[in-house]
Each structure stands twice: as structure tokens, then as C-alpha cells.
C-alpha atoms as a PDB file:
ATOM      1  CA  MET A   1      43.373 107.257 130.210  1.00  0.00           C
ATOM      2  CA  TYR A   2      46.126 109.296 132.565  1.00  0.00           C
ATOM      3  CA  THR A   3      45.209 108.994 136.210  1.00  0.00           C
ATOM      4  CA  TYR A   4      45.296 112.066 138.326  1.00  0.00           C
ATOM      5  CA  PHE A   5      45.823 110.680 141.718  1.00  0.00           C
ATOM      6  CA  LYS A   6      48.431 108.544 143.267  1.00  0.00           C
ATOM      7  CA  LYS A   7      48.561 106.198 146.175  1.00  0.00           C
ATOM      8  CA  ASP A   8      50.161 107.611 149.422  1.00  0.00           C
ATOM      9  CA  LYS A   9      51.460 104.445 151.283  1.00  0.00           C
ATOM     10  CA  ARG A  10      51.781 106.475 154.358  1.00  0.00           C
ATOM     11  CA  LEU A  11      48.497 107.828 154.189  1.00  0.00           C
ATOM     12  CA  GLY A  12      46.813 104.881 152.930  1.00  0.00           C
ATOM     13  CA  ILE A  13      44.697 106.868 150.304  1.00  0.00           C
ATOM     14  CA  LEU A  14      44.851 108.331 146.794  1.00  0.00           C
ATOM     15  CA  ILE A  15      45.950 111.680 146.693  1.00  0.00           C
ATOM     16  CA  PRO A  16      45.601 114.324 143.978  1.00  0.00           C
ATOM     17  CA  HIS A  17      48.432 114.292 141.376  1.00  0.00           C
ATOM     18  CA  VAL A  18      47.685 116.562 138.679  1.00  0.00           C
ATOM     19  CA  GLU A  19      50.715 117.493 136.569  1.00  0.00           C
ATOM     20  CA  THR A  20      48.965 119.959 134.072  1.00  0.00           C
ATOM     21  CA  GLU A  21      47.879 123.324 135.158  1.00  0.00           C
ATOM     22  CA  TRP A  22      44.159 123.095 136.400  1.00  0.00           C
ATOM     23  CA  SER A  23      43.096 125.737 133.764  1.00  0.00           C
ATOM     24  CA  GLN A  24      44.370 123.736 130.911  1.00  0.00           C
ATOM     25  CA  LEU A  25      42.472 120.726 131.689  1.00  0.00           C
ATOM     26  CA  ASP A  26      39.252 120.107 129.818  1.00  0.00           C
ATOM     27  CA  ASN A  27      36.121 120.890 132.012  1.00  0.00           C
ATOM     28  CA  ASN A  28      34.865 117.434 131.630  1.00  0.00           C
ATOM     29  CA  ILE A  29      38.177 116.068 133.196  1.00  0.00           C
ATOM     30  CA  GLN A  30      38.373 118.710 135.949  1.00  0.00           C
ATOM     31  CA  GLN A  31      34.750 117.574 136.762  1.00  0.00           C
ATOM     32  CA  ASP A  32      35.832 114.062 136.768  1.00  0.00           C
ATOM     33  CA  ILE A  33      38.713 114.717 139.103  1.00  0.00           C
ATOM     34  CA  LEU A  34      36.481 116.669 141.425  1.00  0.00           C
ATOM     35  CA  LEU A  35      34.057 113.719 141.469  1.00  0.00           C
ATOM     36  CA  GLN A  36      36.789 111.372 142.235  1.00  0.00           C
ATOM     37  CA  TRP A  37      38.330 113.362 144.822  1.00  0.00           C
ATOM     38  CA  GLU A  38      35.123 113.892 146.645  1.00  0.00           C
ATOM     39  CA  GLN A  39      34.771 110.147 146.595  1.00  0.00           C
ATOM     40  CA  ILE A  40      38.198 109.762 148.108  1.00  0.00           C
ATOM     41  CA  ARG A  41      37.710 112.590 150.407  1.00  0.00           C
ATOM     42  CA  GLY A  42      34.591 111.092 151.638  1.00  0.00           C
ATOM     43  CA  SER A  43      36.715 107.872 152.642  1.00  0.00           C
ATOM     44  CA  ILE A  44      39.124 110.056 155.107  1.00  0.00           C
ATOM     45  CA  PRO A  45      37.336 110.181 158.299  1.00  0.00           C
ATOM     46  CA  ASP A  46      36.793 106.235 158.050  1.00  0.00           C
ATOM     47  CA  ARG A  47      40.668 105.954 157.504  1.00  0.00           C
ATOM     48  CA  ILE A  48      41.226 108.261 160.615  1.00  0.00           C
ATOM     49  CA  LYS A  49      38.981 105.937 162.565  1.00  0.00           C
ATOM     50  CA  GLU A  50      40.879 103.071 161.542  1.00  0.00           C
ATOM     51  CA  LEU A  51      44.290 104.746 162.809  1.00  0.00           C
ATOM     52  CA  GLU A  52      42.590 105.858 166.029  1.00  0.00           C
ATOM     53  CA  GLN A  53      41.764 102.362 166.916  1.00  0.00           C
ATOM     54  CA  ILE A  54      45.340 101.317 166.071  1.00  0.00           C
ATOM     55  CA  ILE A  55      46.514 104.338 168.400  1.00  0.00           C
ATOM     56  CA  ASN A  56      44.203 103.164 171.117  1.00  0.00           C
ATOM     57  CA  GLN A  57      45.431  99.619 170.936  1.00  0.00           C
ATOM     58  CA  LYS A  58      49.004 100.940 171.240  1.00  0.00           C
ATOM     59  CA  GLN A  59      48.211 103.059 174.077  1.00  0.00           C
ATOM     60  CA  HIS A  60      46.466 100.068 175.835  1.00  0.00           C
ATOM     61  CA  ALA A  61      49.819  97.935 175.130  1.00  0.00           C
ATOM     62  CA  LEU A  62      51.923 100.954 176.621  1.00  0.00           C
ATOM     63  CA  ASN A  63      49.713 101.070 179.777  1.00  0.00           C
ATOM     64  CA  HIS A  64      50.682  97.556 180.449  1.00  0.00           C
ATOM     65  CA  GLU A  65      54.255  97.351 179.257  1.00  0.00           C
ATOM     66  CA  GLU A  66      57.197  97.355 181.703  1.00  0.00           C
ATOM     67  CA  ASN A  67      59.833  96.964 179.193  1.00  0.00           C
ATOM     68  CA  PHE A  68      61.617 100.503 178.530  1.00  0.00           C
ATOM     69  CA  SER A  69      62.595  99.813 174.940  1.00  0.00           C
ATOM     70  CA  VAL A  70      59.098  98.488 174.188  1.00  0.00           C
ATOM     71  CA  CYS A  71      57.506 101.651 175.765  1.00  0.00           C
ATOM     72  CA  CYS A  72      59.781 103.656 173.670  1.00  0.00           C
ATOM     73  CA  ARG A  73      58.952 101.881 170.337  1.00  0.00           C
ATOM     74  CA  LEU A  74      55.320 102.190 171.212  1.00  0.00           C
ATOM     75  CA  ASN A  75      55.317 105.802 172.052  1.00  0.00           C
ATOM     76  CA  SER A  76      57.187 106.265 168.454  1.00  0.00           C
ATOM     77  CA  GLU A  77      54.553 104.260 166.500  1.00  0.00           C
ATOM     78  CA  ILE A  78      51.950 106.186 168.119  1.00  0.00           C
ATOM     79  CA  ALA A  79      53.407 109.563 167.371  1.00  0.00           C
ATOM     80  CA  ASP A  80      53.918 108.431 163.631  1.00  0.00           C
ATOM     81  CA  THR A  81      50.356 107.295 163.396  1.00  0.00           C
ATOM     82  CA  ALA A  82      49.096 110.536 165.086  1.00  0.00           C
ATOM     83  CA  SER A  83      51.057 112.406 162.468  1.00  0.00           C
ATOM     84  CA  VAL A  84      49.269 110.495 159.813  1.00  0.00           C
ATOM     85  CA  ILE A  85      46.057 111.362 161.048  1.00  0.00           C
ATOM     86  CA  ASN A  86      46.926 114.993 161.116  1.00  0.00           C
ATOM     87  CA  ASP A  87      48.119 115.077 157.607  1.00  0.00           C
ATOM     88  CA  LEU A  88      44.774 113.243 156.570  1.00  0.00           C
ATOM     89  CA  TRP A  89      42.974 115.957 158.205  1.00  0.00           C
ATOM     90  CA  LEU A  90      45.103 118.534 156.347  1.00  0.00           C
ATOM     91  CA  TRP A  91      44.087 116.946 153.193  1.00  0.00           C
ATOM     92  CA  TYR A  92      40.648 116.678 154.077  1.00  0.00           C
ATOM     93  CA  ARG A  93      40.140 120.189 155.054  1.00  0.00           C
ATOM     94  CA  ALA A  94      42.354 122.049 152.460  1.00  0.00           C
ATOM     95  CA  ASN A  95      40.931 119.903 149.455  1.00  0.00           C
ATOM     96  CA  GLN A  96      37.303 120.817 150.616  1.00  0.00           C
ATOM     97  CA  GLU A  97      37.829 124.442 150.166  1.00  0.00           C
ATOM     98  CA  LEU A  98      39.626 123.940 146.701  1.00  0.00           C
ATOM     99  CA  SER A  99      36.686 121.568 145.686  1.00  0.00           C
ATOM    100  CA  ALA A 100      34.273 124.073 146.760  1.00  0.00           C
ATOM    101  CA  GLU A 101      36.172 126.961 144.791  1.00  0.00           C
ATOM    102  CA  ARG A 102      36.483 125.141 141.774  1.00  0.00           C
ATOM    103  CA  SER A 103      33.190 123.837 141.496  1.00  0.00           C
ATOM    104  CA  HIS A 104      31.850 127.364 141.445  1.00  0.00           C
ATOM    105  CA  THR A 105      33.871 128.527 138.710  1.00  0.00           C
END
């Protein structure tokens, strides 16, 4: 069976990857995709919590670090992790609306 999701290494979750027009998919396949997405989407807040813990650890390390180059590296890592959190929230919210729209059609 073809998979309609692919692993996004940066985000740490599966994301939708449908190469066929939605309207051309069989209704059963559409429902299976939506069900699987809702399960994945439901895991996003937990993933965000994990990343927030990483940020908190790095901020704690940053607060106690005296080496400028290490501070710069930690700041960069915090910014990168925050960017991932932002993208996860975008996936969570944008696809919530799409799922709701598609489930009503």
C-alpha cells in the first residue's frame, strides 16, 4: 500500500505527502488518511513539550556559560529548536482546519 505520509527529520513527525489530487482519491482512502493524520496531529503537542524541555535545558546552560562561542552556539540551537516548534504549531493549526473541512464534504 502506498504511504501518504513521510517522516520529516527536522520536525520529528510524519507529515502528509499526497501526490494525487485529493478529489481523485477514493473516499475510503481519504478517510484513512484523515484518521492517520488526526493521530499524528494529536502527537504534535507532546512533541512540542519535548522540544520546550530541550530549550529550557539549553537556556539553563546558557545562563551559566561564560565562554562566548559556547553562548553563541547555544543561542543558535535555541533559535533552531524554537523554529521547529513554530513549524509544528503551523502544521497543527493549518491541518486542523483542512481536516475539519474535508470531513464535512
